């Protein structure tokens, strides 16, 4: 197996100006993430790329092992591994991005329908069940959001990068058995979706934050054998989905313990970026912890140094979390852009640090 190299631990703001000019995450005559970011995250999303950058710069903003278990009053924090103390890597070995005949990659249930009261309509999701899924056992759940213009099946389907990566990691003992749900951000009447502009779509994407906790999670918990509770619930997202995931992790911190946000766009909290455009519309007023018992177990923000849209916002969110004393890890990864390599690397690191007992 290719040797995995740990990140060099360095604070990223020392390397970047306070406000990097980004020209494609807002309105005007510049390209939008819907037009360009999703070309990277869904248009080429399932073409496995096996040449990630060889170096990285990262920041582990706080280790906070005492807070790691704050949401589980049934056990002491020391009873669980601390995700912030674990190594983070700057490459995914090539063998994790291609399927092997001797590995079981689990079963994908496609186009699973549920009713969303938040949408006022039916929605769909794809479900990846782990190899050997057994209804007599209970499993933690990871919910995953696509980027702007994508769908619930963009990253969770047979042969997808996420399925391939997770299956190999599970086979090699780098992660644990879990259910992975491909969630759809669009949360509104399906008959009205076609033909919507990016600006019209954005509010319906933001409603995915509530659909996740109020509709999708209860549906999954009623249909599958699930370990309930925030210690067994995680959310990730890429690009605009990273915005939704980060917002959901804070709004529903009593239900979600782990949040992975890979190149989040502006719009989680108020930011100085793209003022006056729909990209800047914040979902939350601020990052707020409801109580010591709902402190997130692990927050992972990451973005590539070649990302043309979301460096500013990712760095900003990490700095705000640091100022507020909220444990988090935020990494700038040298040489990566806004596409599949970054999404694979984000999940490769995140999947090693969640649901550990």
Protein backbone atom coordinates (compact mmCIF):
# COMPACT_ATOMS: atom_id res chain seq x y z
CA UNK A 1 0.00 0.00 0.00
CA UNK A 2 1.26 3.48 -0.78
CA UNK A 3 2.66 5.27 2.24
CA UNK A 4 0.31 7.86 3.70
CA UNK A 5 2.05 11.06 4.71
CA UNK A 6 0.75 13.21 7.58
CA UNK A 7 0.11 16.89 7.05
CA UNK A 8 2.63 19.51 8.08
CA UNK A 9 0.87 21.35 10.90
CA UNK A 10 0.93 25.07 10.07
CA UNK A 11 -1.68 27.79 10.55
CA UNK A 12 -3.02 28.69 7.13
CA UNK A 13 -3.81 32.36 7.71
CA UNK A 14 -0.09 33.07 7.92
CA UNK A 15 0.16 32.05 4.27
CA UNK A 16 -2.88 33.81 2.85
CA UNK A 17 -3.94 37.45 2.64
CA UNK A 18 -6.98 38.33 4.69
CA UNK A 19 -9.20 38.49 1.63
CA UNK A 20 -8.21 36.53 -1.45
CA UNK A 21 -9.99 37.74 -4.55
CA UNK A 22 -12.29 34.97 -5.77
CA UNK A 23 -14.18 35.60 -8.97
CA UNK A 24 -16.67 32.81 -9.36
CA UNK A 25 -18.78 32.36 -6.22
CA UNK A 26 -21.15 35.25 -6.75
CA UNK A 27 -23.27 37.00 -9.30
CA UNK A 28 -22.47 39.53 -12.02
CA UNK A 29 -20.67 38.40 -15.14
CA UNK A 30 -18.48 35.82 -13.37
CA UNK A 31 -19.17 32.11 -13.50
CA UNK A 32 -21.20 30.75 -10.59
CA UNK A 33 -20.52 27.57 -8.57
CA UNK A 34 -23.64 26.11 -10.14
CA UNK A 35 -22.11 26.51 -13.58
CA UNK A 36 -18.51 25.75 -12.71
CA UNK A 37 -18.18 24.14 -9.29
CA UNK A 38 -20.64 21.43 -10.10
CA UNK A 39 -18.75 20.70 -13.29
CA UNK A 40 -15.99 19.65 -10.95
CA UNK A 41 -18.12 17.98 -8.28
CA UNK A 42 -20.78 16.25 -10.36
CA UNK A 43 -19.95 16.65 -14.03
CA UNK A 44 -16.70 14.76 -13.51
CA UNK A 45 -17.49 13.51 -10.07
CA UNK A 46 -17.35 9.82 -10.78
CA UNK A 47 -14.27 9.84 -12.99
CA UNK A 48 -11.78 8.61 -10.39
CA UNK A 49 -8.65 10.75 -10.38
CA UNK A 50 -5.54 9.21 -8.89
CA UNK A 51 -2.96 11.98 -8.89
CA UNK A 52 -3.64 14.14 -5.79
CA UNK A 53 -1.14 16.75 -4.71
CA UNK A 54 1.93 15.59 -2.86
CA UNK A 55 2.18 18.28 -0.21
CA UNK A 56 -0.25 20.01 2.11
CA UNK A 57 -0.48 22.70 4.72
CA UNK A 58 -2.95 22.31 7.56
CA UNK A 59 -4.09 23.60 10.90
CA UNK A 60 -5.44 21.57 13.73
CA UNK A 61 -7.12 24.49 15.41
CA UNK A 62 -7.78 22.84 18.75
CA UNK A 63 -7.35 19.40 20.19
CA UNK A 64 -9.90 19.81 23.00
CA UNK A 65 -10.04 16.20 24.04
CA UNK A 66 -12.26 17.13 26.99
CA UNK A 67 -14.91 18.46 24.62
CA UNK A 68 -14.74 15.54 22.21
CA UNK A 69 -17.31 13.53 24.14
CA UNK A 70 -19.39 16.42 25.44
CA UNK A 71 -22.53 15.22 23.74
CA UNK A 72 -22.57 11.78 25.39
CA UNK A 73 -23.37 11.99 29.09
CA UNK A 74 -23.28 8.20 29.43
CA UNK A 75 -19.49 7.98 29.25
CA UNK A 76 -16.42 10.00 30.08
CA UNK A 77 -14.55 11.76 27.29
CA UNK A 78 -11.50 9.60 27.93
CA UNK A 79 -13.52 6.51 26.96
CA UNK A 80 -13.36 7.53 23.30
CA UNK A 81 -10.51 8.35 20.90
CA UNK A 82 -9.95 12.05 20.29
CA UNK A 83 -10.34 12.81 16.54
CA UNK A 84 -8.22 15.96 16.86
CA UNK A 85 -5.23 13.95 18.04
CA UNK A 86 -5.28 11.63 15.01
CA UNK A 87 -3.12 12.10 11.93
CA UNK A 88 -4.47 13.80 8.82
CA UNK A 89 -3.14 12.89 5.38
CA UNK A 90 -2.47 14.84 2.19
CA UNK A 91 -3.02 12.02 -0.29
CA UNK A 92 -5.40 9.14 -0.88
CA UNK A 93 -3.51 6.00 -1.97
CA UNK A 94 -4.41 5.11 -5.55
CA UNK A 95 -5.66 1.68 -4.54
CA UNK A 96 -8.48 3.31 -2.56
CA UNK A 97 -9.89 4.95 -5.69
CA UNK A 98 -10.33 1.80 -7.75
CA UNK A 99 -12.47 -1.23 -7.04
CA UNK A 100 -10.97 -4.69 -6.44
CA UNK A 101 -12.60 -8.03 -7.16
CA UNK A 102 -11.88 -9.40 -3.70
CA UNK A 103 -13.61 -6.57 -1.81
CA UNK A 104 -17.31 -6.23 -0.98
CA UNK A 105 -18.32 -2.59 -1.43
CA UNK A 106 -21.76 -2.89 0.07
CA UNK A 107 -25.20 -2.44 -1.48
CA UNK A 108 -26.66 0.78 -2.86
CA UNK A 109 -30.42 1.20 -2.64
CA UNK A 110 -31.38 3.75 -5.28
CA UNK A 111 -34.21 6.28 -5.56
CA UNK A 112 -35.54 5.64 -2.07
CA UNK A 113 -38.62 7.82 -1.60
CA UNK A 114 -39.76 9.54 1.59
CA UNK A 115 -42.21 12.33 2.34
CA UNK A 116 -40.70 15.63 3.46
CA UNK A 117 -42.96 17.93 5.44
CA UNK A 118 -40.29 20.60 5.03
CA UNK A 119 -40.57 20.35 1.23
CA UNK A 120 -44.30 19.70 1.15
CA UNK A 121 -43.56 16.93 -1.34
CA UNK A 122 -41.81 13.60 -1.75
CA UNK A 123 -38.03 13.55 -1.91
CA UNK A 124 -35.47 10.91 -2.83
CA UNK A 125 -32.20 9.63 -1.43
CA UNK A 126 -29.68 6.87 -2.17
CA UNK A 127 -28.59 4.54 0.61
CA UNK A 128 -25.26 2.73 0.82
CA UNK A 129 -25.55 -0.23 3.19
CA UNK A 130 -22.22 -1.63 4.44
CA UNK A 131 -21.03 -5.11 3.47
CA UNK A 132 -22.83 -7.72 5.54
CA UNK A 133 -25.57 -5.33 6.62
CA UNK A 134 -27.53 -7.16 9.31
CA UNK A 135 -30.84 -5.87 10.66
CA UNK A 136 -30.06 -7.47 14.02
CA UNK A 137 -27.15 -5.03 14.35
CA UNK A 138 -27.35 -1.24 14.68
CA UNK A 139 -25.22 1.11 12.56
CA UNK A 140 -24.15 4.76 12.75
CA UNK A 141 -25.20 6.97 9.83
CA UNK A 142 -23.35 9.46 7.65
CA UNK A 143 -25.50 11.88 5.61
CA UNK A 144 -23.78 13.38 2.56
CA UNK A 145 -24.79 16.53 0.60
CA UNK A 146 -23.87 17.12 -3.07
CA UNK A 147 -22.72 20.41 -4.61
CA UNK A 148 -24.79 23.05 -6.43
CA UNK A 149 -26.63 21.49 -9.36
CA UNK A 150 -26.16 17.93 -8.12
CA UNK A 151 -28.58 15.39 -6.75
CA UNK A 152 -28.90 12.74 -4.07
CA UNK A 153 -27.30 10.20 -6.43
CA UNK A 154 -24.33 12.35 -7.43
CA UNK A 155 -21.92 10.76 -4.96
CA UNK A 156 -23.75 7.70 -3.67
CA UNK A 157 -24.31 5.14 -6.41
CA UNK A 158 -22.78 1.88 -7.57
CA UNK A 159 -19.18 2.47 -8.59
CA UNK A 160 -19.03 5.98 -7.14
CA UNK A 161 -15.82 7.33 -5.68
CA UNK A 162 -17.36 7.48 -2.21
CA UNK A 163 -18.54 3.86 -2.34
CA UNK A 164 -15.15 2.74 -3.66
CA UNK A 165 -13.19 4.69 -1.06
CA UNK A 166 -15.38 3.62 1.86
CA UNK A 167 -15.41 -0.05 0.85
CA UNK A 168 -11.62 -0.27 0.67
CA UNK A 169 -11.18 1.67 3.92
CA UNK A 170 -13.61 -0.63 5.70
CA UNK A 171 -11.87 -3.68 4.28
CA UNK A 172 -8.53 -2.40 5.59
CA UNK A 173 -9.87 -1.49 9.02
CA UNK A 174 -9.49 2.28 8.56
CA UNK A 175 -13.15 3.01 9.32
CA UNK A 176 -16.20 1.30 10.82
CA UNK A 177 -19.40 -0.19 9.37
CA UNK A 178 -21.93 2.57 8.77
CA UNK A 179 -24.87 3.51 6.59
CA UNK A 180 -24.14 6.33 4.12
CA UNK A 181 -27.09 8.36 2.83
CA UNK A 182 -26.88 10.49 -0.30
CA UNK A 183 -29.19 13.38 0.58
CA UNK A 184 -30.77 15.86 -1.83
CA UNK A 185 -30.40 19.50 -0.91
CA UNK A 186 -33.29 20.69 -3.05
CA UNK A 187 -36.23 20.83 -0.65
CA UNK A 188 -39.36 22.03 -2.43
CA UNK A 189 -42.01 20.90 -4.90
CA UNK A 190 -40.21 18.73 -7.43
CA UNK A 191 -42.46 19.89 -10.26
CA UNK A 192 -41.13 23.43 -9.81
CA UNK A 193 -37.41 22.57 -9.82
CA UNK A 194 -36.72 22.44 -13.56
CA UNK A 195 -35.89 25.81 -15.02
CA UNK A 196 -35.06 27.51 -11.73
CA UNK A 197 -32.18 29.95 -11.74
CA UNK A 198 -29.34 29.64 -9.25
CA UNK A 199 -30.79 32.52 -7.22
CA UNK A 200 -34.21 30.87 -7.14
CA UNK A 201 -32.71 27.51 -6.21
CA UNK A 202 -30.60 28.69 -3.27
CA UNK A 203 -33.46 29.10 -0.71
CA UNK A 204 -34.70 25.61 -1.51
CA UNK A 205 -31.19 24.25 -0.98
CA UNK A 206 -30.99 25.95 2.40
CA UNK A 207 -34.17 24.20 3.49
CA UNK A 208 -32.22 20.96 3.23
CA UNK A 209 -30.80 21.85 6.67
CA UNK A 210 -34.23 21.30 8.24
CA UNK A 211 -35.28 18.45 5.96
CA UNK A 212 -32.24 16.52 7.15
CA UNK A 213 -33.16 16.60 10.83
CA UNK A 214 -36.95 16.74 10.66
CA UNK A 215 -37.73 14.42 7.76
CA UNK A 216 -34.80 12.41 6.38
CA UNK A 217 -33.22 11.33 9.66
CA UNK A 218 -36.52 10.07 11.15
CA UNK A 219 -37.23 8.21 7.90
CA UNK A 220 -33.82 6.49 7.89
CA UNK A 221 -34.15 5.62 11.57
CA UNK A 222 -37.58 4.07 10.97
CA UNK A 223 -36.54 2.03 7.93
CA UNK A 224 -33.01 0.84 8.76
CA UNK A 225 -31.23 -0.55 11.80
CA UNK A 226 -29.66 2.63 13.11
CA UNK A 227 -27.79 3.68 16.22
CA UNK A 228 -29.63 6.81 17.25
CA UNK A 229 -28.02 9.85 18.86
CA UNK A 230 -25.46 12.49 17.99
CA UNK A 231 -22.48 10.24 18.75
CA UNK A 232 -23.64 8.00 15.91
CA UNK A 233 -24.68 10.68 13.42
CA UNK A 234 -22.42 12.55 10.98
CA UNK A 235 -22.92 14.90 8.05
CA UNK A 236 -20.59 15.84 5.19
CA UNK A 237 -20.95 17.99 2.10
CA UNK A 238 -18.95 19.33 -0.82
CA UNK A 239 -19.04 22.89 -2.17
CA UNK A 240 -22.57 24.24 -1.61
CA UNK A 241 -23.33 20.96 0.14
CA UNK A 242 -20.49 21.77 2.53
CA UNK A 243 -22.31 25.00 3.36
CA UNK A 244 -25.48 23.04 4.13
CA UNK A 245 -23.58 20.41 6.14
CA UNK A 246 -21.81 22.98 8.32
CA UNK A 247 -25.05 24.84 8.97
CA UNK A 248 -26.87 21.60 9.78
CA UNK A 249 -24.14 20.53 12.18
CA UNK A 250 -24.68 23.67 14.23
CA UNK A 251 -28.44 24.08 13.93
CA UNK A 252 -29.00 20.44 14.86
CA UNK A 253 -26.05 19.94 17.17
CA UNK A 254 -28.25 17.97 19.58
CA UNK A 255 -28.72 15.39 16.80
CA UNK A 256 -25.41 15.54 14.87
CA UNK A 257 -22.01 14.95 16.45
CA UNK A 258 -19.62 15.05 13.48
CA UNK A 259 -19.44 17.54 10.63
CA UNK A 260 -17.22 17.39 7.55
CA UNK A 261 -17.38 20.50 5.36
CA UNK A 262 -15.24 20.31 2.23
CA UNK A 263 -14.78 23.71 0.51
CA UNK A 264 -17.88 25.40 1.94
CA UNK A 265 -19.21 28.42 0.05
CA UNK A 266 -20.24 31.70 1.70
CA UNK A 267 -23.65 31.58 3.34
CA UNK A 268 -23.33 29.55 6.54
CA UNK A 269 -23.02 32.68 8.70
CA UNK A 270 -22.66 36.32 7.64
CA UNK A 271 -19.37 36.84 5.78
CA UNK A 272 -17.79 39.78 3.93
CA UNK A 273 -17.73 37.82 0.66
CA UNK A 274 -20.11 38.43 -2.26
CA UNK A 275 -22.17 40.99 -0.40
CA UNK A 276 -25.41 41.72 -2.18
CA UNK A 277 -25.56 38.37 -3.99
CA UNK A 278 -27.62 35.30 -3.18
CA UNK A 279 -24.40 33.41 -2.37
CA UNK A 280 -23.93 35.61 0.69
CA UNK A 281 -27.37 34.93 2.20
CA UNK A 282 -26.56 33.39 5.62
CA UNK A 283 -28.38 30.35 6.96
CA UNK A 284 -27.31 31.01 10.57
CA UNK A 285 -26.69 34.20 12.51
CA UNK A 286 -23.51 32.82 14.08
CA UNK A 287 -21.78 29.65 15.24
CA UNK A 288 -23.36 29.07 18.64
CA UNK A 289 -23.07 26.16 21.05
CA UNK A 290 -26.34 25.46 22.80
CA UNK A 291 -24.82 23.78 25.86
CA UNK A 292 -21.71 21.85 26.90
CA UNK A 293 -23.62 18.65 26.12
CA UNK A 294 -23.99 19.61 22.45
CA UNK A 295 -20.42 20.65 21.73
CA UNK A 296 -19.59 19.06 18.34
CA UNK A 297 -17.44 15.96 18.70
CA UNK A 298 -15.47 16.76 15.54
CA UNK A 299 -15.61 19.55 12.96
CA UNK A 300 -13.42 19.21 9.86
CA UNK A 301 -13.13 22.04 7.32
CA UNK A 302 -10.84 21.62 4.34
CA UNK A 303 -10.20 23.35 1.01
CA UNK A 304 -7.60 23.09 -1.74
CA UNK A 305 -5.01 25.82 -2.36
CA UNK A 306 -6.07 25.91 -6.03
CA UNK A 307 -9.78 26.24 -5.28
CA UNK A 308 -11.05 29.23 -7.30
CA UNK A 309 -14.17 29.91 -5.20
CA UNK A 310 -14.17 28.79 -1.58
CA UNK A 311 -10.80 29.50 0.07
CA UNK A 312 -11.93 32.78 1.63
CA UNK A 313 -15.09 31.35 3.13
CA UNK A 314 -13.43 28.17 4.44
CA UNK A 315 -10.64 30.15 6.11
CA UNK A 316 -13.16 32.63 7.52
CA UNK A 317 -15.32 29.94 9.11
CA UNK A 318 -12.28 28.38 10.76
CA UNK A 319 -11.12 31.71 12.12
CA UNK A 320 -14.56 32.48 13.56
CA UNK A 321 -14.71 29.08 15.24
CA UNK A 322 -11.25 29.67 16.71
CA UNK A 323 -12.23 33.10 18.05
CA UNK A 324 -15.28 31.59 19.70
CA UNK A 325 -13.25 28.77 21.24
CA UNK A 326 -15.12 26.04 19.39
CA UNK A 327 -12.84 23.05 18.69
CA UNK A 328 -12.36 22.41 14.98
CA UNK A 329 -9.79 21.41 12.38
CA UNK A 330 -9.37 23.53 9.25
CA UNK A 331 -6.90 22.62 6.54
CA UNK A 332 -5.61 24.20 3.37
CA UNK A 333 -4.33 21.39 1.15
CA UNK A 334 -1.58 22.37 -1.27
CA UNK A 335 -2.26 21.67 -4.94
CA UNK A 336 -5.91 20.59 -4.75
CA UNK A 337 -8.74 22.37 -6.53
CA UNK A 338 -12.54 22.19 -6.36
CA UNK A 339 -13.22 18.64 -7.52
CA UNK A 340 -13.14 14.92 -6.97
CA UNK A 341 -9.62 14.67 -5.59
CA UNK A 342 -10.55 17.11 -2.83
CA UNK A 343 -13.82 15.36 -2.03
CA UNK A 344 -12.07 11.99 -1.84
CA UNK A 345 -9.33 13.36 0.42
CA UNK A 346 -11.84 15.03 2.71
CA UNK A 347 -13.78 11.81 3.16
CA UNK A 348 -10.60 9.74 3.48
CA UNK A 349 -9.55 11.77 6.51
CA UNK A 350 -13.04 12.23 7.95
CA UNK A 351 -14.08 8.56 7.77
CA UNK A 352 -11.06 7.57 9.86
CA UNK A 353 -12.09 9.85 12.74
CA UNK A 354 -15.80 9.25 13.25
CA UNK A 355 -17.83 6.73 15.23
CA UNK A 356 -14.76 5.39 17.06
CA UNK A 357 -15.28 3.63 20.35
